[in-house]
Amino acid sequence: MAQVKPQIEVLTQDQGLPSREITSITQDTQGLMWFGTTQGILRYDGYEYVAYNSNPDNPHFIPEESIEGTMYFKSADSLWFVADKKLFAMDIEDDGILLFGEEAGIKGEVMALHQNRDGTFWIITDNFDRSPKDNAHQFLQKYVRGKGFITLAKVKRGISWFTSLVTDSELNIWWGNIPQGLAKYDIHGNLLNTVTVDTYDWFGRDLHFLESFFDREGKHFIFPKSKGGIDLLNGEAQKSIRFLDVPQNIYHAAQDKQGDYWFAGANRLFKVAGDSSYSDLTAELQSKMDFKKITSLFLDGTGLLWVGSDGGIAKISEKKQLFDHMFVSDNQGWGNTIRGIVQLPNNTIIAKCESRRKLLAWKENETEYEFKFNKNYEHPGQPLYDSKYLVLAEDGIHLYAIGETLMKINIGDGSVTEYEQFRPYINLTDVLPLIQLKDGRLLFGRSLKELLLFDPKSGRHWLPFDHLSNSKNVTGLQFLLESKTPNKIWVATQSEGLLLVDINGKIDAHYHTGSIPRLNKNKVLVVYEDSNNGVWAGTYGGGLNHVDLEKKRIKVYDNSDGLADNNVTAILPYGENGYWISTYNGLSFFDVELERFQNFFVEDGLSHNEFNYGASLRGYNGYYFFGGMNGLNRFQPERVLDKTQLPPLKLTKVVHLNQKETASTTMDLIQNGVNSLKISPYEQYTTVHWTMPSYFKNEKHKYYTWLEGFENQWQFNGTSSFVRYNKLPAGAYVLHVRGTDSSGNMSKGEIALPIKVQQIYYRSWWFIGLCALVAASIIYTLFNLRLKQALAIERLRMQISSDLHDEVGSMLSGLSMQTELMEMQASKKDKAQLQRIRAISRRAMSQMRDLVWSIDSRQEKLRDLVNRMQELFEEVLLPKGIAFEIETEGISISKKLPSEIRQHLFLIFKEAVTNTLKHSNANMFKVVFATQNKTLKIVIEDNGCPAKKKVNTGLGISNMIYRTSKMKGSLEVDTTNGFRITLNLPFKI
């Protein structure tokens, strides 16, 4: 069985790493990575870098940028690092920098920085540059809050600054230096022990300096310079035993979650497993990244190993052995491609190797071997050609396969029986699916019309669908499955969808892209029928189609739902609600109840990511087998389906583009944590970025978003770690984000970011209220002005009417009286002229009274109009012996009338009276006021005789029509029976 090899990814300048010379690596409490380099510090969220350096124009400014291999986080917001032999602490929330100098107790240059397991900081300082050379010392110093660094021990400096610090499980400090080798101190600075177990020559002088490492169990590993490799130290006995015998000197060490050890030399990387076997990963590392020196090892919160070097960073993922491999080739790319698989009663696995056209065999605890055909077989070496399926006979000692024809292979002696009668139906370029039914019969063929049923016991065969016409024939058969319903077969095709057929020659159902319900692809590679009246169809390019036979609907699951790939090659059930699904790019497990996929790839231990149709098997003892482009994978689902809990998603930044600005603006959400987001109404777009701090294969992370209040459901965001919204309408929303890794593991929790899009000012309540108030003020002012004008006009009209009545009226009355007096004394000749003057003056007085009445604002009601009409009628009709009647029943005579309306109506009445007096022999005159819907209807009529009525009525009717149009009404004249006028006015009284 092949072992899972560590998977390696790299971050180099080719992948966008800003500086390749990495000196240290650490991780903050939010899961973000921090890289120390020779050109500053890099913050990495899995997608983007933020650079901290000494450029004064950089908003992330640090005074010194040559980071020297040590960085630690004291708390959630404080990064401690050594740069240019100086110690700094940086507040990552506001980039504030604190330099620890002499005022903090620092004795000289900082040579080493170490964070103890209890969170305290220890440093080694060196005053070589500040003291006489024969009196230089190194100091062991501890940070005490409020006091700075206090000195707990010192040693005379050797010929070099070589120094190191580590901590044991009891929090004791082990200080490696030149004169002592290894010195053990307690937390108070008391020297407990010195260990000198290695001496080596350094430019003609003997040195004892050691670097060392403690594992989680308290084992103490030392790295002797004299012989390289690693020793395990018994400190009390001053002895060591060999642990890893390699000639290279070791400088860095780490222990992963599985308890395995990682050791790095100058340019070598070793892994030592729990059983003390070791592997050298240097060649694999160098094939991925060009480097000369390894500078650091770091294990992050997910167990991923980060290797820093002068050529960039390597990420190494090593997972437990989940999949066993067989028939795997060492060739790059495609190797031994597998198509058919069977398991014999003795647990032997036999698989068809398509690339080699051979049968390969494997049995537990035995060496893989090639199945040998009998030497007398007429096609030695290539008897199977391109057959895609193997079927194990009922006797367990024979295999059925299709080569140039149907073959029966004896597993015991390798002999082959060929059924020549089927040779005309075989085309080596066709897929030719082959299955064995429950009753032992074989079913195979390339088209529905040529689908063959063969009974090996009787030797009889027949074509159930031979009666089909060529136009109704279905070609390109891909996969056959016996239904749970007797005599029914599911048929998957390469271009015509999925069929359910009766083995007696009837097509019961046909699902394709034009059917109801419809498939989303017509090329179906595999079918599985469940026990819930449903069928699962794996398509080429369309993912997984579930056909609900009872409800007659189809639901599609594809890579947007988490499926590893949309090309499905095999479907095998697991438990009551699970399916294993192989694809062209990974293996998926689908939990039907949760509708969730978990995916597996090469980095999880698969031999290859691409699987083949016809190469799957649910075997004995709970094992599953899937074959692909390089060998066969075997596994037990119980071991594989352990869920990995991913770290929670983290918001990283928001990018805005305001329509009033020329460039976008960015808000760093890592430094400026937000509980909610406000968006200006002038934003052209808003982009929200996030990350999931799981850094291996993070380009395959998938994300789902839902803007609550704007969208109705979750949206698949693909592998993009951001979402952009353009000109969101004003309102309150909540952005939900969740993510999965390449295996389908879900992130812990989800992002829920409240978003408030502010209303543009002219749509806001305060602006609308202000506008309403201004409008009301304007209306009130105009109303008040018009009221004043109306009152002034009313006063003027009253004044005019009073003046006319009093002044002009008295003058006309005096004129009439004087004329009458003169007429009494005048001659007969002058008397006629004086009579005309008297008549004119009386008419003038009458018209003046009408004018005064019409402009008098005190005569504004309908009652006043009726009274005036009655006066008129009494004055002109009664003397002529004409009775009159005015009907106002059903209307409000107290209703006010505009002066123009009163004047027009009164003059129309006068004209009608004049018509009656001049042109009618009537003895009755009638006026009726009535309301009809929203109109005022006025009827004026007399009972004159039409025979004596003149046709031509002069200008009277024209004047009445004119005055009616001024009131926006209509006038009708009827002379059939007397004289009748009907006015329809567009208002109601």
Foldseek 3Di string as FASTA:
>chain_A
DDFFDKDKDFDFVVNPDPAAAWFEWDAAPQLWIWTQGQAAIWIHFQRDIQGEHCDPVRQLYDPARGWHRDWDDLHRFWIWTAGPQWIWIAGNLRRDIDTDDVQLVAPAGWDDWDQFPVSWIWTKHWCCVPDPNQAIKIFIWTQDPPRHIDTLDIDGADPDPDWDWDAFPQRWIWIFHWPQLTWTARPNNDTDDTAQQEWDDDPRDITRGWDWDADPVRWIWIFHPHAGAIWTDDRVVSDTHHQGRDRFTWDEKDAFPQRWIWTDGQQWIKIQDPVSDMDTCRVVVCVNWPFRGWNYWDQGPQRWIWIRGNRGIMTIDDDHAFKDFDQFDPDPDFDFFWAAWDAFPQRKIWTQRQVQQFIWIDDPPDDIDTQAADPPPPDGRHQQQRARYWEQAPVRQWIWTAHLAIWIAGSPHRYIDGDVVGNVQDDSVAHWEWDADPVRWIWTGFKLLGIKTARVVVRDMDRLAVVDDPVPIGGAWAYWDDDPPPQWIWTFGQAQAIWIAGVNHGTDDGEDCPDQVHAPGRHFHDKDDDPQQWIWTQGAQFAIWIARNVVRHIDGDAVLLPPLHSGWADWDADPDAWIWTAGQAWIWIARRVVRFIFTDASSNPDSHGGFHHNAWDQDPPQWIWTGGSGGIIIGHVVSVPDADEFAAKFWAKKWWDFPVDDDIDIDGCVSVPDQAAEAELRTQKMKTFMHGSPNPQLQQKWKWKDWAPPDDDIDTPGSGRMDMDGNDAFDKTWIWMWIAHSRRRTYDHIHTHIYGYDHDVCPDPVNVVVVVVVVVVVVVVVVVVVVVVVVVLLVVLQVVLVCCCPPVLVVLVVLLVVLVVCLVVDDPVVNVVSVVVNVVSVVVNVVSNLVSLLSNVVQFFLLSLVVVLVVVCVVPPVVVQAAEEEADPPADRRDGDPSLVSSLVSLLSVLLVVLCVPFFPFRYWYWYWDDDDFKIKIKTWTQGDLVRGDPDPPCSVVSNQVSLVVQVWGWDWDPPGGTMIMIIGRGGD
